């Protein structure tokens, strides 16, 4: 079993998603790639990343994603997991905003 880690960047409903997975392969469905064993951060403390939580809500029970080849922007094999993201495809701005901190100007 390989310990490889992949960063998968793809388009979904006008947004760019960045997920991490342990399994990337061609799918048995023609024109699709298979992404499996999604990796999410485990938070034991009080600090919670809202983007990671949103991705876990959306994909937490997913065993395998079958993504159309046209929607995949990039697949990278990486050394360690970085921050997952959801961005607007047109502007590149983060779609999920963190909870505002009291006293911090916007």
PDB file of N, CA and C in Angstrom:
ATOM      1  N   UNK A   1       0.837  -1.178   0.000  1.00  0.00           N
ATOM      2  CA  UNK A   1       0.000   0.000   0.000  1.00  0.00           C
ATOM      3  C   UNK A   1       0.880   1.238   0.000  1.00  0.00           C
ATOM      4  N   UNK A   2       0.630   2.137  -0.901  1.00  0.00           N
ATOM      5  CA  UNK A   2       1.426   3.345  -1.060  1.00  0.00           C
ATOM      6  C   UNK A   2       1.036   4.391  -0.025  1.00  0.00           C
ATOM      7  N   UNK A   3       2.025   5.141   0.424  1.00  0.00           N
ATOM      8  CA  UNK A   3       1.783   6.224   1.369  1.00  0.00           C
ATOM      9  C   UNK A   3       1.757   7.574   0.657  1.00  0.00           C
ATOM     10  N   UNK A   4       1.622   7.569  -0.661  1.00  0.00           N
ATOM     11  CA  UNK A   4       1.640   8.809  -1.437  1.00  0.00           C
ATOM     12  C   UNK A   4       0.470   9.700  -1.031  1.00  0.00           C
ATOM     13  N   UNK A   5       0.703  11.012  -1.105  1.00  0.00           N
ATOM     14  CA  UNK A   5      -0.326  12.000  -0.799  1.00  0.00           C
ATOM     15  C   UNK A   5      -0.447  12.918  -2.004  1.00  0.00           C
ATOM     16  N   UNK A   6      -1.681  13.161  -2.438  1.00  0.00           N
ATOM     17  CA  UNK A   6      -1.931  13.969  -3.626  1.00  0.00           C
ATOM     18  C   UNK A   6      -2.783  15.184  -3.275  1.00  0.00           C
ATOM     19  N   UNK A   7      -2.429  16.308  -3.870  1.00  0.00           N
ATOM     20  CA  UNK A   7      -3.255  17.514  -3.792  1.00  0.00           C
ATOM     21  C   UNK A   7      -4.017  17.578  -5.115  1.00  0.00           C
ATOM     22  N   UNK A   8      -5.352  17.532  -5.029  1.00  0.00           N
ATOM     23  CA  UNK A   8      -6.199  17.508  -6.213  1.00  0.00           C
ATOM     24  C   UNK A   8      -6.943  18.836  -6.292  1.00  0.00           C
ATOM     25  N   UNK A   9      -6.742  19.560  -7.395  1.00  0.00           N
ATOM     26  CA  UNK A   9      -7.404  20.847  -7.616  1.00  0.00           C
ATOM     27  C   UNK A   9      -8.373  20.670  -8.773  1.00  0.00           C
ATOM     28  N   UNK A  10      -9.666  21.005  -8.517  1.00  0.00           N
ATOM     29  CA  UNK A  10     -10.675  20.806  -9.556  1.00  0.00           C
ATOM     30  C   UNK A  10     -11.779  21.859  -9.462  1.00  0.00           C
ATOM     31  N   UNK A  11     -12.495  22.028 -10.576  1.00  0.00           N
ATOM     32  CA  UNK A  11     -13.626  22.956 -10.644  1.00  0.00           C
ATOM     33  C   UNK A  11     -14.915  22.244 -10.260  1.00  0.00           C
ATOM     34  N   UNK A  12     -15.762  22.940  -9.481  1.00  0.00           N
ATOM     35  CA  UNK A  12     -17.045  22.383  -9.082  1.00  0.00           C
ATOM     36  C   UNK A  12     -18.016  23.542  -8.861  1.00  0.00           C
ATOM     37  N   UNK A  13     -19.015  23.674  -9.719  1.00  0.00           N
ATOM     38  CA  UNK A  13     -20.052  24.708  -9.604  1.00  0.00           C
ATOM     39  C   UNK A  13     -19.470  26.116  -9.472  1.00  0.00           C
ATOM     40  N   UNK A  14     -18.527  26.465 -10.328  1.00  0.00           N
ATOM     41  CA  UNK A  14     -17.951  27.813 -10.329  1.00  0.00           C
ATOM     42  C   UNK A  14     -16.945  28.082  -9.229  1.00  0.00           C
ATOM     43  N   UNK A  15     -16.542  27.047  -8.530  1.00  0.00           N
ATOM     44  CA  UNK A  15     -15.561  27.187  -7.459  1.00  0.00           C
ATOM     45  C   UNK A  15     -14.401  26.234  -7.707  1.00  0.00           C
ATOM     46  N   UNK A  16     -13.225  26.629  -7.237  1.00  0.00           N
ATOM     47  CA  UNK A  16     -12.037  25.790  -7.328  1.00  0.00           C
ATOM     48  C   UNK A  16     -11.833  25.128  -5.970  1.00  0.00           C
ATOM     49  N   UNK A  17     -11.849  23.813  -5.940  1.00  0.00           N
ATOM     50  CA  UNK A  17     -11.650  23.041  -4.719  1.00  0.00           C
ATOM     51  C   UNK A  17     -10.236  22.487  -4.701  1.00  0.00           C
ATOM     52  N   UNK A  18      -9.619  22.491  -3.528  1.00  0.00           N
ATOM     53  CA  UNK A  18      -8.317  21.853  -3.320  1.00  0.00           C
ATOM     54  C   UNK A  18      -8.481  20.843  -2.194  1.00  0.00           C
ATOM     55  N   UNK A  19      -8.365  19.572  -2.534  1.00  0.00           N
ATOM     56  CA  UNK A  19      -8.504  18.478  -1.573  1.00  0.00           C
ATOM     57  C   UNK A  19      -7.230  17.649  -1.555  1.00  0.00           C
ATOM     58  N   UNK A  20      -7.044  16.906  -0.477  1.00  0.00           N
ATOM     59  CA  UNK A  20      -5.914  15.991  -0.375  1.00  0.00           C
ATOM     60  C   UNK A  20      -6.444  14.567  -0.313  1.00  0.00           C
ATOM     61  N   UNK A  21      -5.755  13.666  -1.019  1.00  0.00           N
ATOM     62  CA  UNK A  21      -6.201  12.272  -1.099  1.00  0.00           C
ATOM     63  C   UNK A  21      -5.000  11.341  -1.161  1.00  0.00           C
ATOM     64  N   UNK A  22      -5.225  10.116  -0.752  1.00  0.00           N
ATOM     65  CA  UNK A  22      -4.184   9.088  -0.805  1.00  0.00           C
ATOM     66  C   UNK A  22      -4.276   8.229  -2.061  1.00  0.00           C
ATOM     67  N   UNK A  23      -5.415   8.280  -2.746  1.00  0.00           N
ATOM     68  CA  UNK A  23      -5.619   7.425  -3.922  1.00  0.00           C
ATOM     69  C   UNK A  23      -6.082   8.268  -5.116  1.00  0.00           C
ATOM     70  N   UNK A  24      -5.348   8.180  -6.214  1.00  0.00           N
ATOM     71  CA  UNK A  24      -5.717   8.827  -7.478  1.00  0.00           C
ATOM     72  C   UNK A  24      -5.458   7.820  -8.586  1.00  0.00           C
ATOM     73  N   UNK A  25      -6.489   7.590  -9.423  1.00  0.00           N
ATOM     74  CA  UNK A  25      -6.346   6.623 -10.509  1.00  0.00           C
ATOM     75  C   UNK A  25      -7.360   6.924 -11.600  1.00  0.00           C
ATOM     76  N   UNK A  26      -7.176   6.287 -12.731  1.00  0.00           N
ATOM     77  CA  UNK A  26      -8.185   6.351 -13.773  1.00  0.00           C
ATOM     78  C   UNK A  26      -9.416   5.584 -13.315  1.00  0.00           C
ATOM     79  N   UNK A  27     -10.577   6.095 -13.626  1.00  0.00           N
ATOM     80  CA  UNK A  27     -11.820   5.459 -13.199  1.00  0.00           C
ATOM     81  C   UNK A  27     -12.276   4.420 -14.217  1.00  0.00           C
ATOM     82  N   UNK A  28     -13.108   3.498 -13.768  1.00  0.00           N
ATOM     83  CA  UNK A  28     -13.724   2.554 -14.704  1.00  0.00           C
ATOM     84  C   UNK A  28     -14.821   3.248 -15.513  1.00  0.00           C
ATOM     85  N   UNK A  29     -15.213   4.450 -15.091  1.00  0.00           N
ATOM     86  CA  UNK A  29     -16.168   5.268 -15.858  1.00  0.00           C
ATOM     87  C   UNK A  29     -15.383   6.058 -16.898  1.00  0.00           C
ATOM     88  N   UNK A  30     -15.744   5.949 -18.148  1.00  0.00           N
ATOM     89  CA  UNK A  30     -15.007   6.592 -19.228  1.00  0.00           C
ATOM     90  C   UNK A  30     -15.011   8.111 -19.057  1.00  0.00           C
ATOM     91  N   UNK A  31     -13.828   8.746 -19.128  1.00  0.00           N
ATOM     92  CA  UNK A  31     -13.699  10.195 -19.038  1.00  0.00           C
ATOM     93  C   UNK A  31     -13.618  10.733 -17.621  1.00  0.00           C
ATOM     94  N   UNK A  32     -13.475   9.857 -16.627  1.00  0.00           N
ATOM     95  CA  UNK A  32     -13.428  10.284 -15.230  1.00  0.00           C
ATOM     96  C   UNK A  32     -12.140   9.817 -14.572  1.00  0.00           C
ATOM     97  N   UNK A  33     -11.718  10.532 -13.526  1.00  0.00           N
ATOM     98  CA  UNK A  33     -10.622  10.095 -12.667  1.00  0.00           C
ATOM     99  C   UNK A  33     -11.204   9.739 -11.310  1.00  0.00           C
ATOM    100  N   UNK A  34     -10.606   8.772 -10.676  1.00  0.00           N
ATOM    101  CA  UNK A  34     -11.079   8.296  -9.373  1.00  0.00           C
ATOM    102  C   UNK A  34     -10.174   8.857  -8.280  1.00  0.00           C
ATOM    103  N   UNK A  35     -10.783   9.551  -7.314  1.00  0.00           N
ATOM    104  CA  UNK A  35     -10.072  10.136  -6.191  1.00  0.00           C
ATOM    105  C   UNK A  35     -10.636   9.494  -4.927  1.00  0.00           C
ATOM    106  N   UNK A  36      -9.777   8.899  -4.111  1.00  0.00           N
ATOM    107  CA  UNK A  36     -10.260   8.206  -2.921  1.00  0.00           C
ATOM    108  C   UNK A  36      -9.388   8.437  -1.709  1.00  0.00           C
ATOM    109  N   UNK A  37      -9.825   7.944  -0.576  1.00  0.00           N
ATOM    110  CA  UNK A  37      -9.127   8.106   0.699  1.00  0.00           C
ATOM    111  C   UNK A  37      -8.794   9.568   0.961  1.00  0.00           C
ATOM    112  N   UNK A  38      -9.842  10.396   0.991  1.00  0.00           N
ATOM    113  CA  UNK A  38      -9.670  11.831   1.233  1.00  0.00           C
ATOM    114  C   UNK A  38      -9.079  12.056   2.615  1.00  0.00           C
ATOM    115  N   UNK A  39      -8.201  13.053   2.720  1.00  0.00           N
ATOM    116  CA  UNK A  39      -7.497  13.349   3.966  1.00  0.00           C
ATOM    117  C   UNK A  39      -7.995  14.692   4.499  1.00  0.00           C
ATOM    118  N   UNK A  40      -8.464  14.673   5.740  1.00  0.00           N
ATOM    119  CA  UNK A  40      -8.902  15.900   6.414  1.00  0.00           C
ATOM    120  C   UNK A  40      -8.100  16.067   7.696  1.00  0.00           C
ATOM    121  N   UNK A  41      -7.920  17.322   8.137  1.00  0.00           N
ATOM    122  CA  UNK A  41      -7.233  17.588   9.402  1.00  0.00           C
ATOM    123  C   UNK A  41      -8.076  17.081  10.555  1.00  0.00           C
ATOM    124  N   UNK A  42      -7.410  16.595  11.568  1.00  0.00           N
ATOM    125  CA  UNK A  42      -8.084  16.194  12.795  1.00  0.00           C
ATOM    126  C   UNK A  42      -7.816  17.292  13.813  1.00  0.00           C
ATOM    127  N   UNK A  43      -8.891  17.949  14.262  1.00  0.00           N
ATOM    128  CA  UNK A  43      -8.738  19.047  15.207  1.00  0.00           C
ATOM    129  C   UNK A  43      -9.141  18.587  16.599  1.00  0.00           C
ATOM    130  N   UNK A  44      -8.176  18.593  17.499  1.00  0.00           N
ATOM    131  CA  UNK A  44      -8.448  18.232  18.885  1.00  0.00           C
ATOM    132  C   UNK A  44      -8.620  19.468  19.756  1.00  0.00           C
ATOM    133  N   UNK A  45      -8.171  20.618  19.253  1.00  0.00           N
ATOM    134  CA  UNK A  45      -8.214  21.836  20.059  1.00  0.00           C
ATOM    135  C   UNK A  45      -9.413  22.703  19.732  1.00  0.00           C
ATOM    136  N   UNK A  46      -9.318  23.948  20.154  1.00  0.00           N
ATOM    137  CA  UNK A  46     -10.405  24.897  19.959  1.00  0.00           C
ATOM    138  C   UNK A  46     -10.392  25.555  18.587  1.00  0.00           C
ATOM    139  N   UNK A  47      -9.225  25.620  17.955  1.00  0.00           N
ATOM    140  CA  UNK A  47      -9.125  26.288  16.658  1.00  0.00           C
ATOM    141  C   UNK A  47      -9.607  25.341  15.563  1.00  0.00           C
ATOM    142  N   UNK A  48     -10.612  25.802  14.799  1.00  0.00           N
ATOM    143  CA  UNK A  48     -11.185  24.995  13.732  1.00  0.00           C
ATOM    144  C   UNK A  48     -11.125  25.789  12.435  1.00  0.00           C
ATOM    145  N   UNK A  49     -10.630  25.163  11.383  1.00  0.00           N
ATOM    146  CA  UNK A  49     -10.566  25.802  10.069  1.00  0.00           C
ATOM    147  C   UNK A  49     -11.935  25.671   9.409  1.00  0.00           C
ATOM    148  N   UNK A  50     -12.625  26.803   9.108  1.00  0.00           N
ATOM    149  CA  UNK A  50     -13.967  26.712   8.531  1.00  0.00           C
ATOM    150  C   UNK A  50     -13.993  26.060   7.150  1.00  0.00           C
ATOM    151  N   UNK A  51     -12.941  26.238   6.370  1.00  0.00           N
ATOM    152  CA  UNK A  51     -12.884  25.614   5.050  1.00  0.00           C
ATOM    153  C   UNK A  51     -12.795  24.098   5.189  1.00  0.00           C
ATOM    154  N   UNK A  52     -11.944  23.645   6.096  1.00  0.00           N
ATOM    155  CA  UNK A  52     -11.784  22.207   6.330  1.00  0.00           C
ATOM    156  C   UNK A  52     -13.103  21.598   6.817  1.00  0.00           C
ATOM    157  N   UNK A  53     -13.798  22.313   7.683  1.00  0.00           N
ATOM    158  CA  UNK A  53     -15.087  21.830   8.184  1.00  0.00           C
ATOM    159  C   UNK A  53     -16.118  21.738   7.060  1.00  0.00           C
ATOM    160  N   UNK A  54     -16.149  22.733   6.186  1.00  0.00           N
ATOM    161  CA  UNK A  54     -17.100  22.711   5.065  1.00  0.00           C
ATOM    162  C   UNK A  54     -16.800  21.555   4.117  1.00  0.00           C
ATOM    163  N   UNK A  55     -15.526  21.331   3.838  1.00  0.00           N
ATOM    164  CA  UNK A  55     -15.145  20.211   2.975  1.00  0.00           C
ATOM    165  C   UNK A  55     -15.480  18.877   3.639  1.00  0.00           C
ATOM    166  N   UNK A  56     -15.278  18.786   4.946  1.00  0.00           N
ATOM    167  CA  UNK A  56     -15.609  17.553   5.664  1.00  0.00           C
ATOM    168  C   UNK A  56     -17.114  17.309   5.632  1.00  0.00           C
ATOM    169  N   UNK A  57     -17.917  18.375   5.758  1.00  0.00           N
ATOM    170  CA  UNK A  57     -19.368  18.226   5.670  1.00  0.00           C
ATOM    171  C   UNK A  57     -19.788  17.720   4.290  1.00  0.00           C
ATOM    172  N   UNK A  58     -19.157  18.264   3.244  1.00  0.00           N
ATOM    173  CA  UNK A  58     -19.530  17.913   1.877  1.00  0.00           C
ATOM    174  C   UNK A  58     -19.001  16.554   1.449  1.00  0.00           C
ATOM    175  N   UNK A  59     -17.762  16.230   1.833  1.00  0.00           N
ATOM    176  CA  UNK A  59     -17.116  15.020   1.326  1.00  0.00           C
ATOM    177  C   UNK A  59     -16.746  14.007   2.412  1.00  0.00           C
ATOM    178  N   UNK A  60     -17.132  14.241   3.648  1.00  0.00           N
ATOM    179  CA  UNK A  60     -16.716  13.394   4.763  1.00  0.00           C
ATOM    180  C   UNK A  60     -17.118  11.935   4.636  1.00  0.00           C
ATOM    181  N   UNK A  61     -18.280  11.655   4.069  1.00  0.00           N
ATOM    182  CA  UNK A  61     -18.754  10.271   3.931  1.00  0.00           C
ATOM    183  C   UNK A  61     -18.470   9.690   2.554  1.00  0.00           C
ATOM    184  N   UNK A  62     -17.669  10.380   1.771  1.00  0.00           N
ATOM    185  CA  UNK A  62     -17.371   9.957   0.405  1.00  0.00           C
ATOM    186  C   UNK A  62     -16.223   8.953   0.401  1.00  0.00           C
ATOM    187  N   UNK A  63     -16.477   7.783  -0.185  1.00  0.00           N
ATOM    188  CA  UNK A  63     -15.400   6.795  -0.318  1.00  0.00           C
ATOM    189  C   UNK A  63     -14.532   7.108  -1.527  1.00  0.00           C
ATOM    190  N   UNK A  64     -15.182   7.420  -2.662  1.00  0.00           N
ATOM    191  CA  UNK A  64     -14.442   7.737  -3.883  1.00  0.00           C
ATOM    192  C   UNK A  64     -15.178   8.826  -4.639  1.00  0.00           C
ATOM    193  N   UNK A  65     -14.426   9.774  -5.179  1.00  0.00           N
ATOM    194  CA  UNK A  65     -14.970  10.787  -6.081  1.00  0.00           C
ATOM    195  C   UNK A  65     -14.634  10.351  -7.497  1.00  0.00           C
ATOM    196  N   UNK A  66     -15.584  10.469  -8.389  1.00  0.00           N
ATOM    197  CA  UNK A  66     -15.322  10.237  -9.809  1.00  0.00           C
ATOM    198  C   UNK A  66     -15.473  11.605 -10.470  1.00  0.00           C
ATOM    199  N   UNK A  67     -14.326  12.250 -10.722  1.00  0.00           N
ATOM    200  CA  UNK A  67     -14.324  13.603 -11.273  1.00  0.00           C
ATOM    201  C   UNK A  67     -14.125  13.567 -12.776  1.00  0.00           C
ATOM    202  N   UNK A  68     -14.921  14.347 -13.529  1.00  0.00           N
ATOM    203  CA  UNK A  68     -14.701  14.423 -14.973  1.00  0.00           C
ATOM    204  C   UNK A  68     -13.300  14.977 -15.264  1.00  0.00           C
ATOM    205  N   UNK A  69     -12.635  14.420 -16.250  1.00  0.00           N
ATOM    206  CA  UNK A  69     -11.278  14.869 -16.587  1.00  0.00           C
ATOM    207  C   UNK A  69     -11.221  16.370 -16.880  1.00  0.00           C
ATOM    208  N   UNK A  70     -12.304  16.902 -17.487  1.00  0.00           N
ATOM    209  CA  UNK A  70     -12.324  18.321 -17.847  1.00  0.00           C
ATOM    210  C   UNK A  70     -12.359  19.234 -16.620  1.00  0.00           C
ATOM    211  N   UNK A  71     -12.832  18.735 -15.488  1.00  0.00           N
ATOM    212  CA  UNK A  71     -12.937  19.582 -14.298  1.00  0.00           C
ATOM    213  C   UNK A  71     -11.641  19.622 -13.493  1.00  0.00           C
ATOM    214  N   UNK A  72     -10.739  18.686 -13.749  1.00  0.00           N
ATOM    215  CA  UNK A  72      -9.500  18.634 -12.974  1.00  0.00           C
ATOM    216  C   UNK A  72      -8.504  19.641 -13.532  1.00  0.00           C
ATOM    217  N   UNK A  73      -8.019  20.501 -12.647  1.00  0.00           N
ATOM    218  CA  UNK A  73      -7.025  21.508 -13.028  1.00  0.00           C
ATOM    219  C   UNK A  73      -5.623  20.944 -12.852  1.00  0.00           C
ATOM    220  N   UNK A  74      -5.407  20.277 -11.706  1.00  0.00           N
ATOM    221  CA  UNK A  74      -4.062  19.787 -11.410  1.00  0.00           C
ATOM    222  C   UNK A  74      -4.130  18.678 -10.370  1.00  0.00           C
ATOM    223  N   UNK A  75      -3.221  17.722 -10.489  1.00  0.00           N
ATOM    224  CA  UNK A  75      -3.007  16.705  -9.463  1.00  0.00           C
ATOM    225  C   UNK A  75      -1.520  16.711  -9.163  1.00  0.00           C
ATOM    226  N   UNK A  76      -1.189  16.961  -7.888  1.00  0.00           N
ATOM    227  CA  UNK A  76       0.212  17.028  -7.473  1.00  0.00           C
ATOM    228  C   UNK A  76       0.479  15.978  -6.404  1.00  0.00           C
ATOM    229  N   UNK A  77       1.606  15.297  -6.504  1.00  0.00           N
ATOM    230  CA  UNK A  77       2.033  14.432  -5.412  1.00  0.00           C
ATOM    231  C   UNK A  77       2.867  15.301  -4.477  1.00  0.00           C
ATOM    232  N   UNK A  78       2.473  15.366  -3.204  1.00  0.00           N
ATOM    233  CA  UNK A  78       3.117  16.267  -2.250  1.00  0.00           C
ATOM    234  C   UNK A  78       3.713  15.490  -1.088  1.00  0.00           C
ATOM    235  N   UNK A  79       4.621  16.131  -0.368  1.00  0.00           N
ATOM    236  CA  UNK A  79       5.275  15.518   0.792  1.00  0.00           C
ATOM    237  C   UNK A  79       4.370  15.517   2.017  1.00  0.00           C
ATOM    238  N   UNK A  80       3.670  16.651   2.252  1.00  0.00           N
ATOM    239  CA  UNK A  80       2.797  16.739   3.416  1.00  0.00           C
ATOM    240  C   UNK A  80       1.558  17.551   3.074  1.00  0.00           C
ATOM    241  N   UNK A  81       0.524  17.392   3.884  1.00  0.00           N
ATOM    242  CA  UNK A  81      -0.748  18.055   3.648  1.00  0.00           C
ATOM    243  C   UNK A  81      -0.638  19.538   3.964  1.00  0.00           C
ATOM    244  N   UNK A  82      -1.174  20.334   3.069  1.00  0.00           N
ATOM    245  CA  UNK A  82      -1.272  21.769   3.293  1.00  0.00           C
ATOM    246  C   UNK A  82      -2.709  22.113   3.647  1.00  0.00           C
ATOM    247  N   UNK A  83      -3.049  23.371   3.468  1.00  0.00           N
ATOM    248  CA  UNK A  83      -4.393  23.819   3.790  1.00  0.00           C
ATOM    249  C   UNK A  83      -5.327  23.566   2.608  1.00  0.00           C
ATOM    250  N   UNK A  84      -6.443  22.921   2.859  1.00  0.00           N
ATOM    251  CA  UNK A  84      -7.457  22.728   1.824  1.00  0.00           C
ATOM    252  C   UNK A  84      -8.126  24.071   1.562  1.00  0.00           C
ATOM    253  N   UNK A  85      -8.731  24.217   0.369  1.00  0.00           N
ATOM    254  CA  UNK A  85      -9.319  25.510   0.026  1.00  0.00           C
ATOM    255  C   UNK A  85     -10.528  25.355  -0.879  1.00  0.00           C
ATOM    256  N   UNK A  86     -11.400  26.360  -0.806  1.00  0.00           N
ATOM    257  CA  UNK A  86     -12.492  26.529  -1.757  1.00  0.00           C
ATOM    258  C   UNK A  86     -12.412  27.983  -2.195  1.00  0.00           C
ATOM    259  N   UNK A  87     -12.200  28.214  -3.490  1.00  0.00           N
ATOM    260  CA  UNK A  87     -12.052  29.576  -4.013  1.00  0.00           C
ATOM    261  C   UNK A  87     -13.037  29.814  -5.151  1.00  0.00           C
ATOM    262  N   UNK A  88     -13.375  31.081  -5.344  1.00  0.00           N
ATOM    263  CA  UNK A  88     -14.190  31.457  -6.485  1.00  0.00           C
ATOM    264  C   UNK A  88     -13.337  31.299  -7.741  1.00  0.00           C
ATOM    265  N   UNK A  89     -13.865  30.656  -8.764  1.00  0.00           N
ATOM    266  CA  UNK A  89     -13.074  30.374  -9.969  1.00  0.00           C
ATOM    267  C   UNK A  89     -12.689  31.650 -10.709  1.00  0.00           C
ATOM    268  N   UNK A  90     -13.555  32.660 -10.722  1.00  0.00           N
ATOM    269  CA  UNK A  90     -13.281  33.892 -11.469  1.00  0.00           C
ATOM    270  C   UNK A  90     -12.293  34.800 -10.741  1.00  0.00           C
ATOM    271  N   UNK A  91     -12.502  35.030  -9.453  1.00  0.00           N
ATOM    272  CA  UNK A  91     -11.688  36.004  -8.728  1.00  0.00           C
ATOM    273  C   UNK A  91     -10.537  35.378  -7.944  1.00  0.00           C
ATOM    274  N   UNK A  92     -10.642  34.097  -7.605  1.00  0.00           N
ATOM    275  CA  UNK A  92      -9.620  33.456  -6.799  1.00  0.00           C
ATOM    276  C   UNK A  92      -9.777  33.729  -5.314  1.00  0.00           C
ATOM    277  N   UNK A  93     -10.802  34.502  -4.940  1.00  0.00           N
ATOM    278  CA  UNK A  93     -11.060  34.827  -3.537  1.00  0.00           C
ATOM    279  C   UNK A  93     -11.576  33.596  -2.802  1.00  0.00           C
ATOM    280  N   UNK A  94     -11.244  33.491  -1.542  1.00  0.00           N
ATOM    281  CA  UNK A  94     -11.742  32.393  -0.713  1.00  0.00           C
ATOM    282  C   UNK A  94     -13.253  32.511  -0.565  1.00  0.00           C
ATOM    283  N   UNK A  95     -13.956  31.410  -0.718  1.00  0.00           N
ATOM    284  CA  UNK A  95     -15.413  31.401  -0.613  1.00  0.00           C
ATOM    285  C   UNK A  95     -15.839  31.297   0.844  1.00  0.00           C
ATOM    286  N   UNK A  96     -15.090  30.530   1.629  1.00  0.00           N
ATOM    287  CA  UNK A  96     -15.410  30.356   3.037  1.00  0.00           C
ATOM    288  C   UNK A  96     -14.611  31.375   3.826  1.00  0.00           C
ATOM    289  N   UNK A  97     -15.322  32.242   4.551  1.00  0.00           N
ATOM    290  CA  UNK A  97     -14.641  33.257   5.338  1.00  0.00           C
ATOM    291  C   UNK A  97     -14.577  32.815   6.796  1.00  0.00           C
ATOM    292  N   UNK A  98     -13.455  33.087   7.453  1.00  0.00           N
ATOM    293  CA  UNK A  98     -13.353  32.694   8.852  1.00  0.00           C
ATOM    294  C   UNK A  98     -14.274  33.535   9.728  1.00  0.00           C
ATOM    295  N   UNK A  99     -14.587  32.999  10.893  1.00  0.00           N
ATOM    296  CA  UNK A  99     -15.421  33.697  11.846  1.00  0.00           C
ATOM    297  C   UNK A  99     -14.697  34.979  12.266  1.00  0.00           C
ATOM    298  N   UNK A 100     -15.396  36.136  12.282  1.00  0.00           N
ATOM    299  CA  UNK A 100     -14.729  37.389  12.620  1.00  0.00           C
ATOM    300  C   UNK A 100     -14.235  37.400  14.060  1.00  0.00           C
ATOM    301  N   UNK A 101     -13.056  37.956  14.237  1.00  0.00           N
ATOM    302  CA  UNK A 101     -12.446  38.059  15.565  1.00  0.00           C
ATOM    303  C   UNK A 101     -12.852  39.409  16.163  1.00  0.00           C
ATOM    304  N   UNK A 102     -13.382  39.437  17.386  1.00  0.00           N
ATOM    305  CA  UNK A 102     -13.773  40.699  17.996  1.00  0.00           C
ATOM    306  C   UNK A 102     -12.592  41.657  18.125  1.00  0.00           C
ATOM    307  N   UNK A 103     -12.839  42.887  17.766  1.00  0.00           N
ATOM    308  CA  UNK A 103     -11.807  43.914  17.874  1.00  0.00           C
ATOM    309  C   UNK A 103     -10.850  43.984  16.710  1.00  0.00           C
ATOM    310  N   UNK A 104     -10.943  43.064  15.782  1.00  0.00           N
ATOM    311  CA  UNK A 104     -10.054  43.070  14.613  1.00  0.00           C
ATOM    312  C   UNK A 104     -10.766  43.758  13.458  1.00  0.00           C
ATOM    313  N   UNK A 105     -10.162  44.833  12.896  1.00  0.00           N
ATOM    314  CA  UNK A 105     -10.831  45.513  11.773  1.00  0.00           C
ATOM    315  C   UNK A 105     -10.884  44.642  10.538  1.00  0.00           C
ATOM    316  N   UNK A 106     -11.916  44.821   9.751  1.00  0.00           N
ATOM    317  CA  UNK A 106     -12.084  44.022   8.536  1.00  0.00           C
ATOM    318  C   UNK A 106     -11.362  44.644   7.396  1.00  0.00           C
TER     319      UNK A 106
END
